[in-house]
């Protein structure tokens, strides 16, 4: 979808009441199923929130209660995202403060001694001519 079309749809959705916005969502999901399009991948917490929202809608919960619940879930999601980002930053900072690992030693295959014998046969050197 191009940016102009996406912005146009977003503007119309912004002024639409929640009940009508849910009808738009239903229609989009219908089109996805009709044309066998894969839904855009969402983060795990987003999928949980969407499942909760769909369950509430299927149970005929009033839109105002769904809106309040989803606002709270959205705030919790943003908090968890911030917490995860802080954890990643702490791990990265700890990784930077560690000294670099020592270089791994090179393993060389030992060469046999000069008079090494394979079985009972001695290794003979050819004289230089």
C-alpha atoms as a PDB file:
ATOM      1  CA  UNK A   1       0.000   0.000   0.000  1.00  0.00           C
ATOM      2  CA  UNK A   2       1.382   3.402  -0.891  1.00  0.00           C
ATOM      3  CA  UNK A   3       1.905   6.123   1.730  1.00  0.00           C
ATOM      4  CA  UNK A   4      -0.817   8.434   0.394  1.00  0.00           C
ATOM      5  CA  UNK A   5      -3.462   5.712   0.582  1.00  0.00           C
ATOM      6  CA  UNK A   6      -2.318   4.619   4.059  1.00  0.00           C
ATOM      7  CA  UNK A   7      -2.483   8.194   5.349  1.00  0.00           C
ATOM      8  CA  UNK A   8      -5.924   8.723   3.795  1.00  0.00           C
ATOM      9  CA  UNK A   9      -7.271   5.587   5.507  1.00  0.00           C
ATOM     10  CA  UNK A  10      -5.617   6.581   8.801  1.00  0.00           C
ATOM     11  CA  UNK A  11      -7.236  10.054   8.683  1.00  0.00           C
ATOM     12  CA  UNK A  12     -10.680   8.554   8.144  1.00  0.00           C
ATOM     13  CA  UNK A  13     -10.194   6.023  10.937  1.00  0.00           C
ATOM     14  CA  UNK A  14      -9.040   8.709  13.376  1.00  0.00           C
ATOM     15  CA  UNK A  15     -12.398  10.507  13.256  1.00  0.00           C
ATOM     16  CA  UNK A  16     -14.535   7.365  13.153  1.00  0.00           C
ATOM     17  CA  UNK A  17     -16.376   6.130  16.287  1.00  0.00           C
ATOM     18  CA  UNK A  18     -15.025   2.887  17.770  1.00  0.00           C
ATOM     19  CA  UNK A  19     -18.070   0.850  16.763  1.00  0.00           C
ATOM     20  CA  UNK A  20     -17.589   1.765  13.104  1.00  0.00           C
ATOM     21  CA  UNK A  21     -13.816   1.222  13.360  1.00  0.00           C
ATOM     22  CA  UNK A  22     -14.522  -2.339  14.546  1.00  0.00           C
ATOM     23  CA  UNK A  23     -16.737  -2.831  11.487  1.00  0.00           C
ATOM     24  CA  UNK A  24     -13.843  -1.692   9.292  1.00  0.00           C
ATOM     25  CA  UNK A  25     -11.548  -4.150  11.088  1.00  0.00           C
ATOM     26  CA  UNK A  26     -14.069  -6.946  10.538  1.00  0.00           C
ATOM     27  CA  UNK A  27     -14.220  -6.128   6.835  1.00  0.00           C
ATOM     28  CA  UNK A  28     -10.419  -6.098   6.527  1.00  0.00           C
ATOM     29  CA  UNK A  29     -10.218  -9.487   8.233  1.00  0.00           C
ATOM     30  CA  UNK A  30     -12.964 -10.783   5.918  1.00  0.00           C
ATOM     31  CA  UNK A  31     -10.964  -9.638   2.876  1.00  0.00           C
ATOM     32  CA  UNK A  32      -7.833 -11.327   4.247  1.00  0.00           C
ATOM     33  CA  UNK A  33      -9.684 -14.613   4.606  1.00  0.00           C
ATOM     34  CA  UNK A  34     -11.467 -14.298   1.238  1.00  0.00           C
ATOM     35  CA  UNK A  35      -8.283 -13.664  -0.714  1.00  0.00           C
ATOM     36  CA  UNK A  36      -6.133 -15.924   1.492  1.00  0.00           C
ATOM     37  CA  UNK A  37      -3.726 -13.150   2.328  1.00  0.00           C
ATOM     38  CA  UNK A  38      -1.471 -13.666   5.292  1.00  0.00           C
ATOM     39  CA  UNK A  39      -2.017 -11.177   8.066  1.00  0.00           C
ATOM     40  CA  UNK A  40       0.908  -8.949   8.905  1.00  0.00           C
ATOM     41  CA  UNK A  41       3.020 -10.477  11.650  1.00  0.00           C
ATOM     42  CA  UNK A  42       2.582  -8.871  15.037  1.00  0.00           C
ATOM     43  CA  UNK A  43       4.712  -9.091  18.173  1.00  0.00           C
ATOM     44  CA  UNK A  44       3.623 -11.723  20.714  1.00  0.00           C
ATOM     45  CA  UNK A  45       2.119  -9.233  23.168  1.00  0.00           C
ATOM     46  CA  UNK A  46       0.163  -7.590  20.343  1.00  0.00           C
ATOM     47  CA  UNK A  47      -1.305 -10.974  19.360  1.00  0.00           C
ATOM     48  CA  UNK A  48      -2.405 -11.580  22.961  1.00  0.00           C
ATOM     49  CA  UNK A  49      -4.030  -8.144  23.076  1.00  0.00           C
ATOM     50  CA  UNK A  50      -5.822  -8.751  19.770  1.00  0.00           C
ATOM     51  CA  UNK A  51      -7.092 -12.129  20.991  1.00  0.00           C
ATOM     52  CA  UNK A  52      -8.398 -10.503  24.180  1.00  0.00           C
ATOM     53  CA  UNK A  53     -10.104  -7.792  22.143  1.00  0.00           C
ATOM     54  CA  UNK A  54     -11.686 -10.310  19.756  1.00  0.00           C
ATOM     55  CA  UNK A  55     -12.925 -12.400  22.698  1.00  0.00           C
ATOM     56  CA  UNK A  56     -14.508  -9.358  24.308  1.00  0.00           C
ATOM     57  CA  UNK A  57     -16.169  -8.384  21.045  1.00  0.00           C
ATOM     58  CA  UNK A  58     -17.504 -11.914  20.552  1.00  0.00           C
ATOM     59  CA  UNK A  59     -18.950 -11.776  24.066  1.00  0.00           C
ATOM     60  CA  UNK A  60     -20.879  -8.608  23.147  1.00  0.00           C
ATOM     61  CA  UNK A  61     -19.002  -6.497  25.695  1.00  0.00           C
ATOM     62  CA  UNK A  62     -19.871  -2.793  25.275  1.00  0.00           C
ATOM     63  CA  UNK A  63     -17.428  -0.829  23.133  1.00  0.00           C
ATOM     64  CA  UNK A  64     -16.653   1.633  25.950  1.00  0.00           C
ATOM     65  CA  UNK A  65     -15.463  -1.210  28.197  1.00  0.00           C
ATOM     66  CA  UNK A  66     -13.420  -2.728  25.360  1.00  0.00           C
ATOM     67  CA  UNK A  67     -11.841   0.673  24.691  1.00  0.00           C
ATOM     68  CA  UNK A  68     -10.886   1.151  28.354  1.00  0.00           C
ATOM     69  CA  UNK A  69      -9.507  -2.362  28.612  1.00  0.00           C
ATOM     70  CA  UNK A  70      -7.481  -2.041  25.424  1.00  0.00           C
ATOM     71  CA  UNK A  71      -6.104   1.332  26.549  1.00  0.00           C
ATOM     72  CA  UNK A  72      -4.853  -0.351  29.750  1.00  0.00           C
ATOM     73  CA  UNK A  73      -3.441  -3.289  27.774  1.00  0.00           C
ATOM     74  CA  UNK A  74      -1.707  -0.861  25.402  1.00  0.00           C
ATOM     75  CA  UNK A  75      -0.072   0.959  28.327  1.00  0.00           C
ATOM     76  CA  UNK A  76       1.074  -2.374  29.762  1.00  0.00           C
ATOM     77  CA  UNK A  77       2.507  -3.322  26.369  1.00  0.00           C
ATOM     78  CA  UNK A  78       4.452  -0.074  26.087  1.00  0.00           C
ATOM     79  CA  UNK A  79       5.775  -0.591  29.635  1.00  0.00           C
ATOM     80  CA  UNK A  80       6.941  -4.116  28.784  1.00  0.00           C
ATOM     81  CA  UNK A  81       8.568  -2.902  25.553  1.00  0.00           C
ATOM     82  CA  UNK A  82      10.451  -0.244  27.538  1.00  0.00           C
ATOM     83  CA  UNK A  83      11.487  -2.819  30.116  1.00  0.00           C
ATOM     84  CA  UNK A  84      12.759  -5.155  27.393  1.00  0.00           C
ATOM     85  CA  UNK A  85      14.690  -2.315  25.740  1.00  0.00           C
ATOM     86  CA  UNK A  86      16.270  -1.382  29.089  1.00  0.00           C
ATOM     87  CA  UNK A  87      17.276  -4.997  29.636  1.00  0.00           C
ATOM     88  CA  UNK A  88      18.851  -5.223  26.186  1.00  0.00           C
ATOM     89  CA  UNK A  89      20.731  -1.967  26.793  1.00  0.00           C
ATOM     90  CA  UNK A  90      22.033  -3.251  30.153  1.00  0.00           C
ATOM     91  CA  UNK A  91      23.255  -6.480  28.577  1.00  0.00           C
ATOM     92  CA  UNK A  92      24.953  -4.561  25.765  1.00  0.00           C
ATOM     93  CA  UNK A  93      26.618  -2.194  28.254  1.00  0.00           C
ATOM     94  CA  UNK A  94      27.836  -5.141  30.328  1.00  0.00           C
ATOM     95  CA  UNK A  95      29.181  -6.788  27.184  1.00  0.00           C
ATOM     96  CA  UNK A  96      31.102  -3.613  26.270  1.00  0.00           C
ATOM     97  CA  UNK A  97      32.633  -3.304  29.756  1.00  0.00           C
ATOM     98  CA  UNK A  98      34.083  -6.826  29.684  1.00  0.00           C
ATOM     99  CA  UNK A  99      37.689  -7.195  28.570  1.00  0.00           C
ATOM    100  CA  UNK A 100      38.091  -8.775  25.146  1.00  0.00           C
ATOM    101  CA  UNK A 101      38.558 -12.533  25.229  1.00  0.00           C
ATOM    102  CA  UNK A 102      42.134 -13.776  24.861  1.00  0.00           C
ATOM    103  CA  UNK A 103      43.059 -14.984  21.402  1.00  0.00           C
ATOM    104  CA  UNK A 104      42.545 -18.678  20.967  1.00  0.00           C
ATOM    105  CA  UNK A 105      45.815 -20.614  20.710  1.00  0.00           C
ATOM    106  CA  UNK A 106      46.607 -22.116  17.347  1.00  0.00           C
ATOM    107  CA  UNK A 107      46.873 -25.812  17.482  1.00  0.00           C
ATOM    108  CA  UNK A 108      49.680 -27.182  15.373  1.00  0.00           C
ATOM    109  CA  UNK A 109      49.957 -30.761  14.382  1.00  0.00           C
ATOM    110  CA  UNK A 110      53.177 -32.049  15.944  1.00  0.00           C
ATOM    111  CA  UNK A 111      55.724 -33.296  13.468  1.00  0.00           C
ATOM    112  CA  UNK A 112      57.220 -36.734  14.089  1.00  0.00           C
ATOM    113  CA  UNK A 113      60.765 -36.876  15.441  1.00  0.00           C
ATOM    114  CA  UNK A 114      63.616 -37.420  12.951  1.00  0.00           C
ATOM    115  CA  UNK A 115      64.109 -41.083  13.768  1.00  0.00           C
ATOM    116  CA  UNK A 116      60.438 -41.901  14.064  1.00  0.00           C
ATOM    117  CA  UNK A 117      59.484 -45.378  12.854  1.00  0.00           C
ATOM    118  CA  UNK A 118      56.175 -46.389  11.367  1.00  0.00           C
ATOM    119  CA  UNK A 119      55.899 -49.961  12.533  1.00  0.00           C
ATOM    120  CA  UNK A 120      59.335 -51.495  12.125  1.00  0.00           C
ATOM    121  CA  UNK A 121      60.394 -49.433   9.125  1.00  0.00           C
ATOM    122  CA  UNK A 122      62.776 -46.558   9.816  1.00  0.00           C
ATOM    123  CA  UNK A 123      62.434 -43.326   7.900  1.00  0.00           C
ATOM    124  CA  UNK A 124      65.468 -42.915   5.718  1.00  0.00           C
ATOM    125  CA  UNK A 125      66.640 -39.646   4.419  1.00  0.00           C
ATOM    126  CA  UNK A 126      67.966 -39.317   0.930  1.00  0.00           C
ATOM    127  CA  UNK A 127      71.410 -37.870   0.641  1.00  0.00           C
ATOM    128  CA  UNK A 128      71.627 -34.493  -1.040  1.00  0.00           C
ATOM    129  CA  UNK A 129      73.323 -34.642  -4.395  1.00  0.00           C
END
